[in-house]
Amino acid sequence: SQRGTIKKKLYITQRKMKKLIIKAPFDVSVIYGDAEKSWMKSYVEVGRKVNPWVTLFTLPDRAHYKIKFRVDEGMMKNFKVGMKVSVDITTFDYKKIPGEITKIPEMPFRSRDWRIDRRKKQFELEAILKSKKLNILPGIGAKITIVAFHLRNVLKVPFHGVRTIGKDTFVYLIKKRDQKMYLQHTSVDIGRRGKNFIE
Protein backbone atom coordinates (compact mmCIF):
# COMPACT_ATOMS: atom_id res chain seq x y z
CA SER A 1 0.00 0.00 0.00
CA GLN A 2 0.99 3.66 -0.31
CA ARG A 3 1.19 3.98 3.47
CA GLY A 4 3.55 1.04 3.70
CA THR A 5 5.74 2.48 0.95
CA ILE A 6 5.99 5.81 2.77
CA LYS A 7 6.92 4.08 6.03
CA LYS A 8 9.63 2.10 4.26
CA LYS A 9 11.08 5.27 2.70
CA LEU A 10 10.95 7.01 6.09
CA TYR A 11 12.76 4.10 7.73
CA ILE A 12 15.47 4.11 5.06
CA THR A 13 15.89 7.89 5.37
CA GLN A 14 16.20 7.70 9.16
CA ARG A 15 18.87 5.00 8.82
CA LYS A 16 20.82 7.20 6.42
CA MET A 17 20.54 10.20 8.74
CA LYS A 18 22.06 8.21 11.61
CA LYS A 19 25.07 7.53 9.41
CA LEU A 20 25.56 11.28 8.99
CA ILE A 21 26.49 11.63 12.67
CA ILE A 22 30.28 11.83 12.94
CA LYS A 23 31.89 11.01 16.27
CA ALA A 24 35.42 12.07 17.14
CA PRO A 25 37.76 9.25 18.28
CA PHE A 26 38.88 11.40 21.25
CA ASP A 27 37.74 14.40 23.30
CA VAL A 28 38.51 17.49 21.28
CA SER A 29 37.37 20.99 20.30
CA VAL A 30 36.17 21.24 16.71
CA ILE A 31 37.90 23.81 14.51
CA TYR A 32 35.88 24.80 11.46
CA GLY A 33 37.89 24.80 8.27
CA ASP A 34 41.56 23.92 7.90
CA ALA A 35 43.51 24.82 11.04
CA GLU A 36 46.61 25.53 8.94
CA LYS A 37 44.79 27.60 6.29
CA SER A 38 42.82 30.22 8.20
CA TRP A 39 41.95 32.14 5.03
CA MET A 40 39.80 29.19 3.87
CA LYS A 41 37.38 29.38 6.82
CA SER A 42 35.15 31.67 4.77
CA TYR A 43 34.32 28.66 2.56
CA VAL A 44 32.65 26.89 5.50
CA GLU A 45 29.27 28.56 5.89
CA VAL A 46 25.70 27.35 6.23
CA GLY A 47 24.13 26.90 2.81
CA ARG A 48 27.39 27.08 0.91
CA LYS A 49 28.22 24.42 -1.68
CA VAL A 50 30.71 21.79 -0.53
CA ASN A 51 33.65 21.31 -2.90
CA PRO A 52 36.05 18.32 -2.86
CA TRP A 53 39.09 20.45 -1.95
CA VAL A 54 37.50 22.25 1.01
CA THR A 55 38.25 21.07 4.56
CA LEU A 56 35.04 21.37 6.58
CA PHE A 57 36.54 20.92 10.04
CA THR A 58 39.69 19.87 11.86
CA LEU A 59 40.05 17.76 15.00
CA PRO A 60 43.34 18.69 16.72
CA ASP A 61 44.89 15.76 18.59
CA ARG A 62 45.96 17.22 21.93
CA ALA A 63 48.09 14.19 22.71
CA HIS A 64 50.59 15.38 20.11
CA TYR A 65 51.56 19.02 19.63
CA LYS A 66 53.32 20.41 16.59
CA ILE A 67 54.87 23.87 16.53
CA LYS A 68 55.82 25.84 13.43
CA PHE A 69 58.44 28.58 13.33
CA ARG A 70 60.24 30.53 10.63
CA VAL A 71 63.93 31.29 10.24
CA ASP A 72 65.84 33.49 7.81
CA GLU A 73 67.46 31.74 4.86
CA GLY A 74 70.93 32.71 6.10
CA MET A 75 70.39 30.56 9.21
CA MET A 76 69.09 27.45 7.44
CA LYS A 77 72.49 25.75 7.29
CA ASN A 78 72.51 25.56 11.09
CA PHE A 79 69.41 23.37 11.41
CA LYS A 80 68.78 19.68 10.82
CA VAL A 81 66.07 17.15 11.62
CA GLY A 82 66.45 15.72 15.12
CA MET A 83 67.83 18.88 16.77
CA LYS A 84 66.47 19.51 20.26
CA VAL A 85 64.33 22.55 21.00
CA SER A 86 62.93 24.19 24.11
CA VAL A 87 59.56 25.95 23.99
CA ASP A 88 58.04 28.56 26.32
CA ILE A 89 54.29 29.29 26.17
CA THR A 90 53.77 32.19 28.54
CA THR A 91 50.00 32.36 28.00
CA PHE A 92 49.62 29.03 29.81
CA ASP A 93 52.73 29.41 31.99
CA TYR A 94 54.52 26.51 30.31
CA LYS A 95 58.30 26.82 30.29
CA LYS A 96 61.11 24.80 28.69
CA ILE A 97 58.90 22.20 27.03
CA PRO A 98 61.24 19.74 25.30
CA GLY A 99 60.82 19.06 21.60
CA GLU A 100 62.55 18.00 18.42
CA ILE A 101 62.74 19.36 14.87
CA THR A 102 60.89 16.97 12.58
CA LYS A 103 60.61 18.83 9.27
CA ILE A 104 62.83 21.18 7.29
CA PRO A 105 61.28 22.40 4.02
CA GLU A 106 63.12 22.57 0.72
CA MET A 107 61.30 25.71 -0.45
CA PRO A 108 60.88 29.06 1.35
CA PHE A 109 57.62 30.01 3.01
CA ARG A 110 55.16 31.90 0.80
CA SER A 111 53.04 34.31 2.80
CA ARG A 112 49.74 35.80 1.64
CA ASP A 113 50.39 38.87 3.79
CA TRP A 114 51.19 41.78 1.44
CA ARG A 115 52.95 43.64 4.29
CA ILE A 116 55.82 41.13 4.38
CA ASP A 117 58.91 41.97 2.33
CA ARG A 118 59.10 39.10 -0.18
CA ARG A 119 62.77 39.79 -0.82
CA LYS A 120 63.58 38.43 2.63
CA LYS A 121 63.11 34.68 2.28
CA GLN A 122 62.17 32.62 5.31
CA PHE A 123 61.71 28.89 5.81
CA GLU A 124 59.00 27.37 8.00
CA LEU A 125 60.29 24.52 10.16
CA GLU A 126 58.26 22.11 12.27
CA ALA A 127 58.95 20.56 15.67
CA ILE A 128 57.07 18.06 17.81
CA LEU A 129 56.70 18.70 21.56
CA LYS A 130 57.59 15.72 23.73
CA SER A 131 55.37 16.50 26.74
CA LYS A 132 51.84 15.03 26.72
CA LYS A 133 50.69 16.83 29.89
CA LEU A 134 49.71 20.01 28.07
CA ASN A 135 46.41 21.74 27.53
CA ILE A 136 47.05 24.27 24.79
CA LEU A 137 44.66 25.88 22.35
CA PRO A 138 45.56 25.53 18.65
CA GLY A 139 47.20 28.59 17.12
CA ILE A 140 48.65 29.95 20.38
CA GLY A 141 51.93 31.86 20.23
CA ALA A 142 55.17 30.51 21.70
CA LYS A 143 58.88 31.24 22.07
CA ILE A 144 61.21 28.56 20.76
CA THR A 145 64.89 28.19 21.62
CA ILE A 146 67.28 26.04 19.58
CA VAL A 147 70.87 25.41 20.62
CA ALA A 148 72.56 25.05 17.23
CA PHE A 149 76.14 25.42 18.49
CA HIS A 150 78.25 26.91 21.29
CA LEU A 151 80.63 29.82 20.72
CA ARG A 152 83.24 31.16 23.12
CA ASN A 153 84.20 34.80 23.64
CA VAL A 154 81.25 35.99 21.55
CA LEU A 155 78.74 38.70 22.43
CA LYS A 156 75.37 39.08 20.76
CA VAL A 157 74.22 42.70 20.44
CA PRO A 158 71.30 44.51 18.79
CA PHE A 159 71.88 45.03 15.09
CA HIS A 160 71.64 48.83 15.34
CA GLY A 161 74.38 48.88 18.01
CA VAL A 162 77.13 48.13 15.48
CA ARG A 163 78.54 50.84 13.21
CA THR A 164 80.80 50.72 10.15
CA ILE A 165 82.89 53.55 8.73
CA GLY A 166 85.09 52.53 5.83
CA LYS A 167 86.80 49.30 6.84
CA ASP A 168 86.34 49.89 10.56
CA THR A 169 83.47 48.06 12.29
CA PHE A 170 83.00 49.21 15.86
CA VAL A 171 80.70 49.61 18.85
CA TYR A 172 80.60 52.13 21.69
CA LEU A 173 81.26 50.81 25.18
CA ILE A 174 79.97 52.71 28.18
CA LYS A 175 82.88 53.33 30.56
CA LYS A 176 83.13 54.99 33.92
CA ARG A 177 86.01 57.16 35.13
CA ASP A 178 86.09 59.45 38.14
CA GLN A 179 82.36 58.99 38.67
CA LYS A 180 81.70 60.10 35.09
CA MET A 181 80.31 58.04 32.23
CA TYR A 182 81.75 58.20 28.72
CA LEU A 183 81.65 56.26 25.43
CA GLN A 184 84.68 54.36 24.21
CA HIS A 185 85.11 53.58 20.51
CA THR A 186 85.95 49.83 20.24
CA SER A 187 86.69 48.00 16.99
CA VAL A 188 85.13 44.53 16.67
CA ASP A 189 85.07 41.53 14.35
CA ILE A 190 81.55 40.55 13.36
CA GLY A 191 80.20 37.03 12.77
CA ARG A 192 76.72 35.65 12.25
CA ARG A 193 73.80 38.01 11.98
CA GLY A 194 70.07 37.57 12.26
CA LYS A 195 67.03 39.76 11.82
CA ASN A 196 67.58 41.78 15.01
CA PHE A 197 71.05 40.87 16.25
CA ILE A 198 74.66 40.48 15.22
CA GLU A 199 77.60 38.65 16.80
C-alpha atoms as a PDB file:
ATOM      1  CA  SER A   1       0.000   0.000   0.000  1.00  0.00           C
ATOM      2  CA  GLN A   2       0.989   3.658  -0.315  1.00  0.00           C
ATOM      3  CA  ARG A   3       1.186   3.976   3.472  1.00  0.00           C
ATOM      4  CA  GLY A   4       3.554   1.037   3.701  1.00  0.00           C
ATOM      5  CA  THR A   5       5.743   2.476   0.946  1.00  0.00           C
ATOM      6  CA  ILE A   6       5.989   5.814   2.772  1.00  0.00           C
ATOM      7  CA  LYS A   7       6.925   4.076   6.031  1.00  0.00           C
ATOM      8  CA  LYS A   8       9.630   2.104   4.260  1.00  0.00           C
ATOM      9  CA  LYS A   9      11.084   5.273   2.700  1.00  0.00           C
ATOM     10  CA  LEU A  10      10.948   7.014   6.094  1.00  0.00           C
ATOM     11  CA  TYR A  11      12.758   4.104   7.735  1.00  0.00           C
ATOM     12  CA  ILE A  12      15.475   4.113   5.061  1.00  0.00           C
ATOM     13  CA  THR A  13      15.887   7.894   5.365  1.00  0.00           C
ATOM     14  CA  GLN A  14      16.196   7.696   9.155  1.00  0.00           C
ATOM     15  CA  ARG A  15      18.871   4.999   8.819  1.00  0.00           C
ATOM     16  CA  LYS A  16      20.825   7.195   6.418  1.00  0.00           C
ATOM     17  CA  MET A  17      20.543  10.203   8.743  1.00  0.00           C
ATOM     18  CA  LYS A  18      22.060   8.213  11.605  1.00  0.00           C
ATOM     19  CA  LYS A  19      25.075   7.530   9.413  1.00  0.00           C
ATOM     20  CA  LEU A  20      25.563  11.284   8.994  1.00  0.00           C
ATOM     21  CA  ILE A  21      26.488  11.632  12.669  1.00  0.00           C
ATOM     22  CA  ILE A  22      30.277  11.835  12.945  1.00  0.00           C
ATOM     23  CA  LYS A  23      31.892  11.007  16.270  1.00  0.00           C
ATOM     24  CA  ALA A  24      35.424  12.071  17.145  1.00  0.00           C
ATOM     25  CA  PRO A  25      37.758   9.253  18.279  1.00  0.00           C
ATOM     26  CA  PHE A  26      38.876  11.399  21.245  1.00  0.00           C
ATOM     27  CA  ASP A  27      37.740  14.399  23.297  1.00  0.00           C
ATOM     28  CA  VAL A  28      38.512  17.494  21.276  1.00  0.00           C
ATOM     29  CA  SER A  29      37.369  20.988  20.300  1.00  0.00           C
ATOM     30  CA  VAL A  30      36.170  21.239  16.706  1.00  0.00           C
ATOM     31  CA  ILE A  31      37.896  23.811  14.509  1.00  0.00           C
ATOM     32  CA  TYR A  32      35.877  24.796  11.462  1.00  0.00           C
ATOM     33  CA  GLY A  33      37.894  24.800   8.268  1.00  0.00           C
ATOM     34  CA  ASP A  34      41.555  23.916   7.896  1.00  0.00           C
ATOM     35  CA  ALA A  35      43.510  24.821  11.043  1.00  0.00           C
ATOM     36  CA  GLU A  36      46.610  25.533   8.937  1.00  0.00           C
ATOM     37  CA  LYS A  37      44.791  27.595   6.285  1.00  0.00           C
ATOM     38  CA  SER A  38      42.821  30.217   8.196  1.00  0.00           C
ATOM     39  CA  TRP A  39      41.947  32.137   5.029  1.00  0.00           C
ATOM     40  CA  MET A  40      39.796  29.189   3.867  1.00  0.00           C
ATOM     41  CA  LYS A  41      37.381  29.377   6.818  1.00  0.00           C
ATOM     42  CA  SER A  42      35.146  31.670   4.765  1.00  0.00           C
ATOM     43  CA  TYR A  43      34.324  28.660   2.561  1.00  0.00           C
ATOM     44  CA  VAL A  44      32.649  26.893   5.504  1.00  0.00           C
ATOM     45  CA  GLU A  45      29.272  28.558   5.887  1.00  0.00           C
ATOM     46  CA  VAL A  46      25.701  27.353   6.226  1.00  0.00           C
ATOM     47  CA  GLY A  47      24.126  26.899   2.808  1.00  0.00           C
ATOM     48  CA  ARG A  48      27.386  27.076   0.913  1.00  0.00           C
ATOM     49  CA  LYS A  49      28.224  24.422  -1.680  1.00  0.00           C
ATOM     50  CA  VAL A  50      30.711  21.786  -0.534  1.00  0.00           C
ATOM     51  CA  ASN A  51      33.652  21.309  -2.895  1.00  0.00           C
ATOM     52  CA  PRO A  52      36.050  18.324  -2.862  1.00  0.00           C
ATOM     53  CA  TRP A  53      39.095  20.447  -1.954  1.00  0.00           C
ATOM     54  CA  VAL A  54      37.496  22.252   1.015  1.00  0.00           C
ATOM     55  CA  THR A  55      38.252  21.068   4.559  1.00  0.00           C
ATOM     56  CA  LEU A  56      35.036  21.367   6.576  1.00  0.00           C
ATOM     57  CA  PHE A  57      36.542  20.923  10.044  1.00  0.00           C
ATOM     58  CA  THR A  58      39.694  19.869  11.862  1.00  0.00           C
ATOM     59  CA  LEU A  59      40.050  17.759  14.996  1.00  0.00           C
ATOM     60  CA  PRO A  60      43.345  18.686  16.720  1.00  0.00           C
ATOM     61  CA  ASP A  61      44.894  15.764  18.588  1.00  0.00           C
ATOM     62  CA  ARG A  62      45.957  17.223  21.928  1.00  0.00           C
ATOM     63  CA  ALA A  63      48.089  14.188  22.709  1.00  0.00           C
ATOM     64  CA  HIS A  64      50.590  15.381  20.108  1.00  0.00           C
ATOM     65  CA  TYR A  65      51.561  19.022  19.635  1.00  0.00           C
ATOM     66  CA  LYS A  66      53.317  20.414  16.587  1.00  0.00           C
ATOM     67  CA  ILE A  67      54.870  23.871  16.533  1.00  0.00           C
ATOM     68  CA  LYS A  68      55.818  25.839  13.429  1.00  0.00           C
ATOM     69  CA  PHE A  69      58.437  28.577  13.325  1.00  0.00           C
ATOM     70  CA  ARG A  70      60.243  30.532  10.635  1.00  0.00           C
ATOM     71  CA  VAL A  71      63.927  31.294  10.245  1.00  0.00           C
ATOM     72  CA  ASP A  72      65.836  33.494   7.813  1.00  0.00           C
ATOM     73  CA  GLU A  73      67.456  31.739   4.863  1.00  0.00           C
ATOM     74  CA  GLY A  74      70.930  32.714   6.104  1.00  0.00           C
ATOM     75  CA  MET A  75      70.389  30.564   9.212  1.00  0.00           C
ATOM     76  CA  MET A  76      69.093  27.447   7.439  1.00  0.00           C
ATOM     77  CA  LYS A  77      72.493  25.747   7.290  1.00  0.00           C
ATOM     78  CA  ASN A  78      72.507  25.560  11.095  1.00  0.00           C
ATOM     79  CA  PHE A  79      69.414  23.366  11.409  1.00  0.00           C
ATOM     80  CA  LYS A  80      68.780  19.683  10.823  1.00  0.00           C
ATOM     81  CA  VAL A  81      66.073  17.148  11.618  1.00  0.00           C
ATOM     82  CA  GLY A  82      66.449  15.721  15.121  1.00  0.00           C
ATOM     83  CA  MET A  83      67.830  18.876  16.767  1.00  0.00           C
ATOM     84  CA  LYS A  84      66.473  19.508  20.256  1.00  0.00           C
ATOM     85  CA  VAL A  85      64.332  22.547  20.996  1.00  0.00           C
ATOM     86  CA  SER A  86      62.932  24.193  24.113  1.00  0.00           C
ATOM     87  CA  VAL A  87      59.562  25.954  23.988  1.00  0.00           C
ATOM     88  CA  ASP A  88      58.044  28.563  26.316  1.00  0.00           C
ATOM     89  CA  ILE A  89      54.295  29.287  26.169  1.00  0.00           C
ATOM     90  CA  THR A  90      53.771  32.187  28.542  1.00  0.00           C
ATOM     91  CA  THR A  91      50.002  32.360  27.997  1.00  0.00           C
ATOM     92  CA  PHE A  92      49.617  29.030  29.811  1.00  0.00           C
ATOM     93  CA  ASP A  93      52.729  29.410  31.993  1.00  0.00           C
ATOM     94  CA  TYR A  94      54.521  26.509  30.312  1.00  0.00           C
ATOM     95  CA  LYS A  95      58.304  26.820  30.294  1.00  0.00           C
ATOM     96  CA  LYS A  96      61.107  24.799  28.694  1.00  0.00           C
ATOM     97  CA  ILE A  97      58.898  22.204  27.029  1.00  0.00           C
ATOM     98  CA  PRO A  98      61.240  19.739  25.296  1.00  0.00           C
ATOM     99  CA  GLY A  99      60.817  19.060  21.603  1.00  0.00           C
ATOM    100  CA  GLU A 100      62.553  17.997  18.423  1.00  0.00           C
ATOM    101  CA  ILE A 101      62.737  19.362  14.873  1.00  0.00           C
ATOM    102  CA  THR A 102      60.891  16.974  12.577  1.00  0.00           C
ATOM    103  CA  LYS A 103      60.612  18.827   9.273  1.00  0.00           C
ATOM    104  CA  ILE A 104      62.829  21.183   7.285  1.00  0.00           C
ATOM    105  CA  PRO A 105      61.275  22.395   4.016  1.00  0.00           C
ATOM    106  CA  GLU A 106      63.117  22.569   0.720  1.00  0.00           C
ATOM    107  CA  MET A 107      61.303  25.705  -0.448  1.00  0.00           C
ATOM    108  CA  PRO A 108      60.885  29.064   1.351  1.00  0.00           C
ATOM    109  CA  PHE A 109      57.623  30.014   3.014  1.00  0.00           C
ATOM    110  CA  ARG A 110      55.162  31.898   0.802  1.00  0.00           C
ATOM    111  CA  SER A 111      53.042  34.312   2.801  1.00  0.00           C
ATOM    112  CA  ARG A 112      49.743  35.803   1.638  1.00  0.00           C
ATOM    113  CA  ASP A 113      50.387  38.870   3.789  1.00  0.00           C
ATOM    114  CA  TRP A 114      51.193  41.780   1.444  1.00  0.00           C
ATOM    115  CA  ARG A 115      52.947  43.635   4.286  1.00  0.00           C
ATOM    116  CA  ILE A 116      55.821  41.126   4.379  1.00  0.00           C
ATOM    117  CA  ASP A 117      58.910  41.968   2.334  1.00  0.00           C
ATOM    118  CA  ARG A 118      59.098  39.095  -0.179  1.00  0.00           C
ATOM    119  CA  ARG A 119      62.772  39.786  -0.815  1.00  0.00           C
ATOM    120  CA  LYS A 120      63.575  38.426   2.631  1.00  0.00           C
ATOM    121  CA  LYS A 121      63.105  34.680   2.280  1.00  0.00           C
ATOM    122  CA  GLN A 122      62.167  32.620   5.308  1.00  0.00           C
ATOM    123  CA  PHE A 123      61.711  28.890   5.813  1.00  0.00           C
ATOM    124  CA  GLU A 124      58.996  27.373   8.001  1.00  0.00           C
ATOM    125  CA  LEU A 125      60.293  24.515  10.164  1.00  0.00           C
ATOM    126  CA  GLU A 126      58.256  22.114  12.274  1.00  0.00           C
ATOM    127  CA  ALA A 127      58.950  20.560  15.672  1.00  0.00           C
ATOM    128  CA  ILE A 128      57.070  18.056  17.814  1.00  0.00           C
ATOM    129  CA  LEU A 129      56.702  18.698  21.557  1.00  0.00           C
ATOM    130  CA  LYS A 130      57.592  15.723  23.732  1.00  0.00           C
ATOM    131  CA  SER A 131      55.374  16.495  26.735  1.00  0.00           C
ATOM    132  CA  LYS A 132      51.836  15.033  26.716  1.00  0.00           C
ATOM    133  CA  LYS A 133      50.692  16.834  29.891  1.00  0.00           C
ATOM    134  CA  LEU A 134      49.711  20.007  28.069  1.00  0.00           C
ATOM    135  CA  ASN A 135      46.407  21.737  27.531  1.00  0.00           C
ATOM    136  CA  ILE A 136      47.053  24.267  24.785  1.00  0.00           C
ATOM    137  CA  LEU A 137      44.662  25.877  22.350  1.00  0.00           C
ATOM    138  CA  PRO A 138      45.559  25.533  18.654  1.00  0.00           C
ATOM    139  CA  GLY A 139      47.205  28.587  17.115  1.00  0.00           C
ATOM    140  CA  ILE A 140      48.651  29.947  20.382  1.00  0.00           C
ATOM    141  CA  GLY A 141      51.934  31.856  20.233  1.00  0.00           C
ATOM    142  CA  ALA A 142      55.174  30.511  21.695  1.00  0.00           C
ATOM    143  CA  LYS A 143      58.879  31.240  22.072  1.00  0.00           C
ATOM    144  CA  ILE A 144      61.214  28.559  20.755  1.00  0.00           C
ATOM    145  CA  THR A 145      64.887  28.185  21.621  1.00  0.00           C
ATOM    146  CA  ILE A 146      67.281  26.043  19.579  1.00  0.00           C
ATOM    147  CA  VAL A 147      70.870  25.410  20.624  1.00  0.00           C
ATOM    148  CA  ALA A 148      72.564  25.047  17.234  1.00  0.00           C
ATOM    149  CA  PHE A 149      76.144  25.415  18.492  1.00  0.00           C
ATOM    150  CA  HIS A 150      78.252  26.906  21.288  1.00  0.00           C
ATOM    151  CA  LEU A 151      80.630  29.822  20.724  1.00  0.00           C
ATOM    152  CA  ARG A 152      83.243  31.163  23.123  1.00  0.00           C
ATOM    153  CA  ASN A 153      84.204  34.804  23.642  1.00  0.00           C
ATOM    154  CA  VAL A 154      81.250  35.988  21.550  1.00  0.00           C
ATOM    155  CA  LEU A 155      78.743  38.704  22.427  1.00  0.00           C
ATOM    156  CA  LYS A 156      75.370  39.080  20.762  1.00  0.00           C
ATOM    157  CA  VAL A 157      74.222  42.703  20.442  1.00  0.00           C
ATOM    158  CA  PRO A 158      71.301  44.507  18.786  1.00  0.00           C
ATOM    159  CA  PHE A 159      71.881  45.034  15.085  1.00  0.00           C
ATOM    160  CA  HIS A 160      71.644  48.834  15.336  1.00  0.00           C
ATOM    161  CA  GLY A 161      74.383  48.882  18.011  1.00  0.00           C
ATOM    162  CA  VAL A 162      77.129  48.128  15.482  1.00  0.00           C
ATOM    163  CA  ARG A 163      78.540  50.839  13.212  1.00  0.00           C
ATOM    164  CA  THR A 164      80.800  50.716  10.154  1.00  0.00           C
ATOM    165  CA  ILE A 165      82.891  53.554   8.732  1.00  0.00           C
ATOM    166  CA  GLY A 166      85.095  52.526   5.835  1.00  0.00           C
ATOM    167  CA  LYS A 167      86.795  49.296   6.838  1.00  0.00           C
ATOM    168  CA  ASP A 168      86.341  49.886  10.558  1.00  0.00           C
ATOM    169  CA  THR A 169      83.473  48.064  12.291  1.00  0.00           C
ATOM    170  CA  PHE A 170      82.997  49.206  15.859  1.00  0.00           C
ATOM    171  CA  VAL A 171      80.703  49.608  18.853  1.00  0.00           C
ATOM    172  CA  TYR A 172      80.604  52.130  21.689  1.00  0.00           C
ATOM    173  CA  LEU A 173      81.256  50.812  25.185  1.00  0.00           C
ATOM    174  CA  ILE A 174      79.975  52.714  28.184  1.00  0.00           C
ATOM    175  CA  LYS A 175      82.882  53.334  30.556  1.00  0.00           C
ATOM    176  CA  LYS A 176      83.130  54.994  33.924  1.00  0.00           C
ATOM    177  CA  ARG A 177      86.010  57.156  35.131  1.00  0.00           C
ATOM    178  CA  ASP A 178      86.086  59.450  38.142  1.00  0.00           C
ATOM    179  CA  GLN A 179      82.359  58.994  38.672  1.00  0.00           C
ATOM    180  CA  LYS A 180      81.698  60.099  35.087  1.00  0.00           C
ATOM    181  CA  MET A 181      80.315  58.039  32.232  1.00  0.00           C
ATOM    182  CA  TYR A 182      81.755  58.203  28.725  1.00  0.00           C
ATOM    183  CA  LEU A 183      81.651  56.261  25.431  1.00  0.00           C
ATOM    184  CA  GLN A 184      84.678  54.360  24.207  1.00  0.00           C
ATOM    185  CA  HIS A 185      85.109  53.578  20.506  1.00  0.00           C
ATOM    186  CA  THR A 186      85.954  49.832  20.242  1.00  0.00           C
ATOM    187  CA  SER A 187      86.691  47.996  16.994  1.00  0.00           C
ATOM    188  CA  VAL A 188      85.134  44.527  16.671  1.00  0.00           C
ATOM    189  CA  ASP A 189      85.067  41.527  14.346  1.00  0.00           C
ATOM    190  CA  ILE A 190      81.546  40.549  13.362  1.00  0.00           C
ATOM    191  CA  GLY A 191      80.205  37.034  12.769  1.00  0.00           C
ATOM    192  CA  ARG A 192      76.719  35.651  12.253  1.00  0.00           C
ATOM    193  CA  ARG A 193      73.805  38.015  11.979  1.00  0.00           C
ATOM    194  CA  GLY A 194      70.067  37.573  12.261  1.00  0.00           C
ATOM    195  CA  LYS A 195      67.028  39.765  11.822  1.00  0.00           C
ATOM    196  CA  ASN A 196      67.576  41.782  15.007  1.00  0.00           C
ATOM    197  CA  PHE A 197      71.045  40.872  16.245  1.00  0.00           C
ATOM    198  CA  ILE A 198      74.658  40.477  15.222  1.00  0.00           C
ATOM    199  CA  GLU A 199      77.604  38.647  16.798  1.00  0.00           C
END
